[in-house]
Amino acid sequence: MKRLRQLHLHLGVFFTPLLLFFIATGWYQTVDPDRLKSPGEAETLLQKFRVVHTDMIFPETGVLRQKASPQLFKGLVVTMSVAMIASTVLGLVLAFRFTKPAWLPWAVLAVGAAVPALVLWTAGRR
């Protein structure tokens, strides 16, 4: 169990900066409906971060490098995704193993699944 805790800790800490970046840029895209037509249009730092989020390249000011390849960054993002899924599952295992009373993590997990589903269902009924 000690190794699981260490793995959970190290995966979470290592990928936190990239995960926070994707959370922040995803949030920005959600609240700012002004979409760029091409990555080369990105002028502000926030717009450039949006391009990193969607196209996985960092555009130069007003110019998109013709040979920019997102493959290496895509590999990092896929690795982050797998690691964060593993870290989340490890976190659940630790929560179920060490939380008393035992029903509490199940109840919180059920509410955590039900709230987004309820919000989406309610929004669809308007």
C-alpha atoms as a PDB file:
ATOM      1  CA  MET A   1       0.000   0.000   0.000  1.00  0.00           C
ATOM      2  CA  LYS A   2       2.943   2.322   0.662  1.00  0.00           C
ATOM      3  CA  ARG A   3       4.081   1.952  -2.971  1.00  0.00           C
ATOM      4  CA  LEU A   4       0.572   2.761  -4.215  1.00  0.00           C
ATOM      5  CA  ARG A   5       0.572   5.941  -2.146  1.00  0.00           C
ATOM      6  CA  GLN A   6       3.991   6.913  -3.474  1.00  0.00           C
ATOM      7  CA  LEU A   7       2.973   6.200  -7.080  1.00  0.00           C
ATOM      8  CA  HIS A   8      -0.226   8.226  -6.599  1.00  0.00           C
ATOM      9  CA  LEU A   9       1.780  11.082  -5.102  1.00  0.00           C
ATOM     10  CA  HIS A  10       4.483  11.175  -7.766  1.00  0.00           C
ATOM     11  CA  LEU A  11       2.119  10.852 -10.739  1.00  0.00           C
ATOM     12  CA  GLY A  12      -0.088  13.606  -9.369  1.00  0.00           C
ATOM     13  CA  VAL A  13       2.755  15.985  -8.557  1.00  0.00           C
ATOM     14  CA  PHE A  14       4.601  15.408 -11.851  1.00  0.00           C
ATOM     15  CA  PHE A  15       1.568  16.003 -14.061  1.00  0.00           C
ATOM     16  CA  THR A  16      -0.041  18.800 -12.000  1.00  0.00           C
ATOM     17  CA  PRO A  17       1.415  21.689 -14.059  1.00  0.00           C
ATOM     18  CA  LEU A  18       0.223  20.225 -17.369  1.00  0.00           C
ATOM     19  CA  LEU A  19      -3.128  19.224 -15.913  1.00  0.00           C
ATOM     20  CA  LEU A  20      -3.680  22.724 -14.492  1.00  0.00           C
ATOM     21  CA  PHE A  21      -2.747  24.183 -17.885  1.00  0.00           C
ATOM     22  CA  PHE A  22      -5.396  22.082 -19.633  1.00  0.00           C
ATOM     23  CA  ILE A  23      -7.981  22.844 -16.958  1.00  0.00           C
ATOM     24  CA  ALA A  24      -7.313  26.591 -17.203  1.00  0.00           C
ATOM     25  CA  THR A  25      -7.290  26.729 -21.013  1.00  0.00           C
ATOM     26  CA  GLY A  26     -10.368  24.521 -21.196  1.00  0.00           C
ATOM     27  CA  TRP A  27     -12.115  26.844 -18.761  1.00  0.00           C
ATOM     28  CA  TYR A  28     -11.061  29.827 -20.874  1.00  0.00           C
ATOM     29  CA  GLN A  29     -12.486  28.202 -23.997  1.00  0.00           C
ATOM     30  CA  THR A  30     -15.726  27.479 -22.175  1.00  0.00           C
ATOM     31  CA  VAL A  31     -16.325  31.050 -21.016  1.00  0.00           C
ATOM     32  CA  ASP A  32     -14.895  32.871 -24.073  1.00  0.00           C
ATOM     33  CA  PRO A  33     -16.859  31.954 -27.191  1.00  0.00           C
ATOM     34  CA  ASP A  34     -14.569  33.949 -29.534  1.00  0.00           C
ATOM     35  CA  ARG A  35     -12.910  31.141 -31.509  1.00  0.00           C
ATOM     36  CA  LEU A  36      -9.944  31.690 -33.779  1.00  0.00           C
ATOM     37  CA  LYS A  37     -10.319  30.574 -37.393  1.00  0.00           C
ATOM     38  CA  SER A  38      -6.686  29.479 -37.602  1.00  0.00           C
ATOM     39  CA  PRO A  39      -3.788  29.114 -35.148  1.00  0.00           C
ATOM     40  CA  GLY A  40      -1.923  31.894 -36.964  1.00  0.00           C
ATOM     41  CA  GLU A  41      -4.487  34.436 -35.733  1.00  0.00           C
ATOM     42  CA  ALA A  42      -3.409  34.043 -32.099  1.00  0.00           C
ATOM     43  CA  GLU A  43      -1.984  37.325 -30.836  1.00  0.00           C
ATOM     44  CA  THR A  44      -2.398  37.396 -27.056  1.00  0.00           C
ATOM     45  CA  LEU A  45      -0.822  34.904 -24.702  1.00  0.00           C
ATOM     46  CA  LEU A  46      -4.273  33.545 -23.801  1.00  0.00           C
ATOM     47  CA  GLN A  47      -5.057  32.998 -27.480  1.00  0.00           C
ATOM     48  CA  LYS A  48      -1.733  31.206 -27.930  1.00  0.00           C
ATOM     49  CA  PHE A  49      -2.491  28.989 -24.944  1.00  0.00           C
ATOM     50  CA  ARG A  50      -5.852  28.216 -26.527  1.00  0.00           C
ATOM     51  CA  VAL A  51      -3.990  27.077 -29.658  1.00  0.00           C
ATOM     52  CA  VAL A  52      -1.746  24.853 -27.522  1.00  0.00           C
ATOM     53  CA  HIS A  53      -4.890  23.376 -25.960  1.00  0.00           C
ATOM     54  CA  THR A  54      -6.621  22.658 -29.281  1.00  0.00           C
ATOM     55  CA  ASP A  55      -3.822  22.217 -31.843  1.00  0.00           C
ATOM     56  CA  MET A  56      -0.920  21.247 -29.552  1.00  0.00           C
ATOM     57  CA  ILE A  57       1.499  23.762 -31.033  1.00  0.00           C
ATOM     58  CA  PHE A  58       2.634  27.171 -29.776  1.00  0.00           C
ATOM     59  CA  PRO A  59       2.166  29.669 -32.619  1.00  0.00           C
ATOM     60  CA  GLU A  60       4.620  32.454 -33.276  1.00  0.00           C
ATOM     61  CA  THR A  61       3.145  35.952 -33.340  1.00  0.00           C
ATOM     62  CA  GLY A  62       0.859  36.209 -36.353  1.00  0.00           C
ATOM     63  CA  VAL A  63       2.596  33.291 -38.085  1.00  0.00           C
ATOM     64  CA  LEU A  64       2.123  29.547 -37.908  1.00  0.00           C
ATOM     65  CA  ARG A  65       5.295  27.626 -38.577  1.00  0.00           C
ATOM     66  CA  GLN A  66       4.677  25.408 -41.573  1.00  0.00           C
ATOM     67  CA  LYS A  67       6.618  22.475 -40.158  1.00  0.00           C
ATOM     68  CA  ALA A  68       5.204  22.602 -36.634  1.00  0.00           C
ATOM     69  CA  SER A  69       4.442  19.070 -35.518  1.00  0.00           C
ATOM     70  CA  PRO A  70       2.282  18.331 -32.502  1.00  0.00           C
ATOM     71  CA  GLN A  71       3.353  14.671 -32.259  1.00  0.00           C
ATOM     72  CA  LEU A  72       5.755  14.995 -29.339  1.00  0.00           C
ATOM     73  CA  PHE A  73       3.318  17.128 -27.344  1.00  0.00           C
ATOM     74  CA  LYS A  74       0.471  14.735 -28.196  1.00  0.00           C
ATOM     75  CA  GLY A  75       2.579  11.910 -26.788  1.00  0.00           C
ATOM     76  CA  LEU A  76       3.087  13.856 -23.586  1.00  0.00           C
ATOM     77  CA  VAL A  77      -0.645  14.600 -23.319  1.00  0.00           C
ATOM     78  CA  VAL A  78      -1.556  10.942 -23.893  1.00  0.00           C
ATOM     79  CA  THR A  79       0.998   9.935 -21.242  1.00  0.00           C
ATOM     80  CA  MET A  80      -0.453  12.546 -18.866  1.00  0.00           C
ATOM     81  CA  SER A  81      -3.981  11.282 -19.525  1.00  0.00           C
ATOM     82  CA  VAL A  82      -3.060   7.666 -18.814  1.00  0.00           C
ATOM     83  CA  ALA A  83      -1.091   8.651 -15.719  1.00  0.00           C
ATOM     84  CA  MET A  84      -3.891  10.848 -14.382  1.00  0.00           C
ATOM     85  CA  ILE A  85      -6.446   8.076 -14.930  1.00  0.00           C
ATOM     86  CA  ALA A  86      -4.136   5.699 -13.055  1.00  0.00           C
ATOM     87  CA  SER A  87      -3.577   8.276 -10.309  1.00  0.00           C
ATOM     88  CA  THR A  88      -7.320   8.869 -10.000  1.00  0.00           C
ATOM     89  CA  VAL A  89      -7.996   5.144  -9.718  1.00  0.00           C
ATOM     90  CA  LEU A  90      -5.222   4.868  -7.123  1.00  0.00           C
ATOM     91  CA  GLY A  91      -6.814   7.756  -5.237  1.00  0.00           C
ATOM     92  CA  LEU A  92     -10.137   5.916  -5.251  1.00  0.00           C
ATOM     93  CA  VAL A  93      -8.466   2.732  -4.009  1.00  0.00           C
ATOM     94  CA  LEU A  94      -6.834   4.691  -1.196  1.00  0.00           C
ATOM     95  CA  ALA A  95     -10.108   6.453  -0.365  1.00  0.00           C
ATOM     96  CA  PHE A  96     -12.032   3.183  -0.179  1.00  0.00           C
ATOM     97  CA  ARG A  97      -9.277   1.495   1.781  1.00  0.00           C
ATOM     98  CA  PHE A  98      -8.681   4.149   4.440  1.00  0.00           C
ATOM     99  CA  THR A  99     -11.926   6.119   4.838  1.00  0.00           C
ATOM    100  CA  LYS A 100     -14.198   5.330   7.757  1.00  0.00           C
ATOM    101  CA  PRO A 101     -17.133   4.872   7.609  1.00  0.00           C
ATOM    102  CA  ALA A 102     -16.806   2.672   4.525  1.00  0.00           C
ATOM    103  CA  TRP A 103     -20.017   3.941   2.911  1.00  0.00           C
ATOM    104  CA  LEU A 104     -18.774   7.547   2.759  1.00  0.00           C
ATOM    105  CA  PRO A 105     -16.520   7.298  -0.340  1.00  0.00           C
ATOM    106  CA  TRP A 106     -19.280   5.381  -2.142  1.00  0.00           C
ATOM    107  CA  ALA A 107     -21.784   8.112  -1.332  1.00  0.00           C
ATOM    108  CA  VAL A 108     -19.424  10.907  -2.417  1.00  0.00           C
ATOM    109  CA  LEU A 109     -18.578   9.023  -5.630  1.00  0.00           C
ATOM    110  CA  ALA A 110     -22.276   8.536  -6.409  1.00  0.00           C
ATOM    111  CA  VAL A 111     -23.035  12.226  -5.834  1.00  0.00           C
ATOM    112  CA  GLY A 112     -19.986  13.194  -7.923  1.00  0.00           C
ATOM    113  CA  ALA A 113     -21.360  11.134 -10.815  1.00  0.00           C
ATOM    114  CA  ALA A 114     -24.984  12.205 -10.345  1.00  0.00           C
ATOM    115  CA  VAL A 115     -24.457  15.986 -10.201  1.00  0.00           C
ATOM    116  CA  PRO A 116     -22.957  16.401 -13.706  1.00  0.00           C
ATOM    117  CA  ALA A 117     -25.528  14.001 -15.155  1.00  0.00           C
ATOM    118  CA  LEU A 118     -28.345  15.931 -13.466  1.00  0.00           C
ATOM    119  CA  VAL A 119     -26.987  19.289 -14.667  1.00  0.00           C
ATOM    120  CA  LEU A 120     -26.737  18.032 -18.260  1.00  0.00           C
ATOM    121  CA  TRP A 121     -30.212  16.463 -18.082  1.00  0.00           C
ATOM    122  CA  THR A 122     -31.720  19.644 -16.616  1.00  0.00           C
ATOM    123  CA  ALA A 123     -30.043  21.839 -19.254  1.00  0.00           C
ATOM    124  CA  GLY A 124     -31.382  19.565 -22.005  1.00  0.00           C
ATOM    125  CA  ARG A 125     -34.969  19.932 -20.781  1.00  0.00           C
ATOM    126  CA  ARG A 126     -35.072  23.732 -21.143  1.00  0.00           C
END
